[in-house]
Amino acid sequence: MLGDCASVPKCIDKSCQRATWRKRASVPITEDQVRGIFLRYDTNKDGLLSKEELKNAFANLGSRMPGVRAWLALQHADVNGDGLINEVEFDKLVKYTLKRGYKIN
């Protein structure tokens, strides 16, 4: 009875091969690309990156939790504690982001 095809539900076709998904190659992101992404997300063009702007940038980088990543980036790079990333702190932010290992798909 176990080998009987009648016991297999009609919606399952055992002869059908399953689709195989190709993994796309990932390339590590460069420092210049990270800088460009963060500069593009300075939406008000004041030369400072707010938490919201960082959140949008990390979402663009593919972060699963961009809000948390933005908060962590501020904790790491915001030396003066004003809640914004300025030109002096920008290098720390870029290095922090590169350590996280973001990749371009």
C-alpha atoms as a PDB file:
ATOM      1  CA  MET A   1       0.000   0.000   0.000  1.00  0.00           C
ATOM      2  CA  LEU A   2       2.898   2.418   0.659  1.00  0.00           C
ATOM      3  CA  GLY A   3       4.144   2.289  -2.937  1.00  0.00           C
ATOM      4  CA  ASP A   4       0.673   2.831  -4.354  1.00  0.00           C
ATOM      5  CA  CYS A   5       0.362   6.116  -6.327  1.00  0.00           C
ATOM      6  CA  ALA A   6      -3.237   6.415  -5.270  1.00  0.00           C
ATOM      7  CA  SER A   7      -2.094   7.269  -1.735  1.00  0.00           C
ATOM      8  CA  VAL A   8      -0.226  10.357  -2.983  1.00  0.00           C
ATOM      9  CA  PRO A   9      -2.363  13.514  -2.987  1.00  0.00           C
ATOM     10  CA  LYS A  10      -3.193  14.775  -6.474  1.00  0.00           C
ATOM     11  CA  CYS A  11      -1.552  18.152  -5.833  1.00  0.00           C
ATOM     12  CA  ILE A  12       1.892  16.558  -5.451  1.00  0.00           C
ATOM     13  CA  ASP A  13       3.592  15.610  -8.688  1.00  0.00           C
ATOM     14  CA  LYS A  14       6.537  13.381  -7.823  1.00  0.00           C
ATOM     15  CA  SER A  15       7.904  13.511 -11.378  1.00  0.00           C
ATOM     16  CA  CYS A  16       8.213  17.320 -11.310  1.00  0.00           C
ATOM     17  CA  GLN A  17      11.688  18.574 -10.519  1.00  0.00           C
ATOM     18  CA  ARG A  18      11.888  21.310  -7.954  1.00  0.00           C
ATOM     19  CA  ALA A  19      13.012  24.703  -9.103  1.00  0.00           C
ATOM     20  CA  THR A  20      16.536  25.486  -8.086  1.00  0.00           C
ATOM     21  CA  TRP A  21      17.355  29.027  -7.083  1.00  0.00           C
ATOM     22  CA  ARG A  22      20.648  30.453  -8.138  1.00  0.00           C
ATOM     23  CA  LYS A  23      22.539  32.419  -5.573  1.00  0.00           C
ATOM     24  CA  ARG A  24      23.771  35.690  -6.914  1.00  0.00           C
ATOM     25  CA  ALA A  25      27.418  36.434  -6.436  1.00  0.00           C
ATOM     26  CA  SER A  26      28.118  39.013  -3.757  1.00  0.00           C
ATOM     27  CA  VAL A  27      30.961  41.467  -3.922  1.00  0.00           C
ATOM     28  CA  PRO A  28      32.193  43.310  -0.829  1.00  0.00           C
ATOM     29  CA  ILE A  29      31.291  46.972  -0.907  1.00  0.00           C
ATOM     30  CA  THR A  30      34.160  49.459  -1.211  1.00  0.00           C
ATOM     31  CA  GLU A  31      34.872  52.456   0.996  1.00  0.00           C
ATOM     32  CA  ASP A  32      34.051  54.863  -1.835  1.00  0.00           C
ATOM     33  CA  GLN A  33      30.687  53.165  -2.410  1.00  0.00           C
ATOM     34  CA  VAL A  34      29.823  53.418   1.301  1.00  0.00           C
ATOM     35  CA  ARG A  35      30.763  57.106   1.316  1.00  0.00           C
ATOM     36  CA  GLY A  36      28.603  57.716  -1.749  1.00  0.00           C
ATOM     37  CA  ILE A  37      25.600  55.970  -0.216  1.00  0.00           C
ATOM     38  CA  PHE A  38      25.808  57.960   3.006  1.00  0.00           C
ATOM     39  CA  LEU A  39      26.294  61.247   1.163  1.00  0.00           C
ATOM     40  CA  ARG A  40      23.289  60.502  -1.043  1.00  0.00           C
ATOM     41  CA  TYR A  41      21.104  59.999   2.042  1.00  0.00           C
ATOM     42  CA  ASP A  42      21.957  63.413   3.509  1.00  0.00           C
ATOM     43  CA  THR A  43      18.518  64.517   2.304  1.00  0.00           C
ATOM     44  CA  ASN A  44      18.551  68.047   3.735  1.00  0.00           C
ATOM     45  CA  LYS A  45      22.138  68.636   2.471  1.00  0.00           C
ATOM     46  CA  ASP A  46      23.290  70.120   5.788  1.00  0.00           C
ATOM     47  CA  GLY A  47      26.481  68.025   5.883  1.00  0.00           C
ATOM     48  CA  LEU A  48      25.207  66.070   8.897  1.00  0.00           C
ATOM     49  CA  LEU A  49      23.627  62.621   8.993  1.00  0.00           C
ATOM     50  CA  SER A  50      20.698  62.193  11.383  1.00  0.00           C
ATOM     51  CA  LYS A  51      19.464  58.866  12.731  1.00  0.00           C
ATOM     52  CA  GLU A  52      16.634  58.868  10.173  1.00  0.00           C
ATOM     53  CA  GLU A  53      19.051  59.501   7.305  1.00  0.00           C
ATOM     54  CA  LEU A  54      21.319  56.725   8.604  1.00  0.00           C
ATOM     55  CA  LYS A  55      18.330  54.396   8.869  1.00  0.00           C
ATOM     56  CA  ASN A  56      17.443  55.025   5.214  1.00  0.00           C
ATOM     57  CA  ALA A  57      21.059  54.481   4.152  1.00  0.00           C
ATOM     58  CA  PHE A  58      21.334  51.183   6.048  1.00  0.00           C
ATOM     59  CA  ALA A  59      18.038  50.062   4.506  1.00  0.00           C
ATOM     60  CA  ASN A  60      19.595  50.762   1.097  1.00  0.00           C
ATOM     61  CA  LEU A  61      22.624  48.695   2.114  1.00  0.00           C
ATOM     62  CA  GLY A  62      20.295  45.751   2.801  1.00  0.00           C
ATOM     63  CA  SER A  63      20.235  45.779   6.588  1.00  0.00           C
ATOM     64  CA  ARG A  64      17.451  43.638   8.040  1.00  0.00           C
ATOM     65  CA  MET A  65      17.077  46.053  10.964  1.00  0.00           C
ATOM     66  CA  PRO A  66      18.114  49.477   9.679  1.00  0.00           C
ATOM     67  CA  GLY A  67      16.807  51.340  12.749  1.00  0.00           C
ATOM     68  CA  VAL A  68      18.939  49.259  15.088  1.00  0.00           C
ATOM     69  CA  ARG A  69      21.933  49.516  12.766  1.00  0.00           C
ATOM     70  CA  ALA A  70      21.550  53.331  12.648  1.00  0.00           C
ATOM     71  CA  TRP A  71      21.413  53.502  16.451  1.00  0.00           C
ATOM     72  CA  LEU A  72      24.512  51.315  16.748  1.00  0.00           C
ATOM     73  CA  ALA A  73      26.335  53.420  14.147  1.00  0.00           C
ATOM     74  CA  LEU A  74      25.547  56.572  16.121  1.00  0.00           C
ATOM     75  CA  GLN A  75      26.785  54.919  19.322  1.00  0.00           C
ATOM     76  CA  HIS A  76      30.017  53.998  17.565  1.00  0.00           C
ATOM     77  CA  ALA A  77      30.767  57.083  15.477  1.00  0.00           C
ATOM     78  CA  ASP A  78      29.063  60.049  17.199  1.00  0.00           C
ATOM     79  CA  VAL A  79      32.011  61.260  19.271  1.00  0.00           C
ATOM     80  CA  ASN A  80      30.486  64.550  20.486  1.00  0.00           C
ATOM     81  CA  GLY A  81      27.119  62.956  21.360  1.00  0.00           C
ATOM     82  CA  ASP A  82      24.914  65.416  19.453  1.00  0.00           C
ATOM     83  CA  GLY A  83      22.995  62.640  17.667  1.00  0.00           C
ATOM     84  CA  LEU A  84      24.392  63.585  14.260  1.00  0.00           C
ATOM     85  CA  ILE A  85      27.347  62.411  12.199  1.00  0.00           C
ATOM     86  CA  ASN A  86      29.497  65.337  11.060  1.00  0.00           C
ATOM     87  CA  GLU A  87      32.493  65.443   8.689  1.00  0.00           C
ATOM     88  CA  VAL A  88      34.974  64.544  11.441  1.00  0.00           C
ATOM     89  CA  GLU A  89      32.906  61.537  12.542  1.00  0.00           C
ATOM     90  CA  PHE A  90      32.142  60.434   8.983  1.00  0.00           C
ATOM     91  CA  ASP A  91      35.337  58.344   8.649  1.00  0.00           C
ATOM     92  CA  LYS A  92      34.444  56.401  11.809  1.00  0.00           C
ATOM     93  CA  LEU A  93      30.995  55.728  10.380  1.00  0.00           C
ATOM     94  CA  VAL A  94      32.427  54.440   7.088  1.00  0.00           C
ATOM     95  CA  LYS A  95      34.917  52.153   8.874  1.00  0.00           C
ATOM     96  CA  TYR A  96      32.133  50.865  11.164  1.00  0.00           C
ATOM     97  CA  THR A  97      29.990  50.053   8.131  1.00  0.00           C
ATOM     98  CA  LEU A  98      32.815  48.265   6.316  1.00  0.00           C
ATOM     99  CA  LYS A  99      33.466  46.087   9.400  1.00  0.00           C
ATOM    100  CA  ARG A 100      29.866  44.854   9.216  1.00  0.00           C
ATOM    101  CA  GLY A 101      30.661  43.212   5.870  1.00  0.00           C
ATOM    102  CA  TYR A 102      27.942  44.621   3.637  1.00  0.00           C
ATOM    103  CA  LYS A 103      28.003  43.276   0.087  1.00  0.00           C
ATOM    104  CA  ILE A 104      26.580  44.300  -3.251  1.00  0.00           C
ATOM    105  CA  ASN A 105      24.389  41.643  -4.872  1.00  0.00           C
END
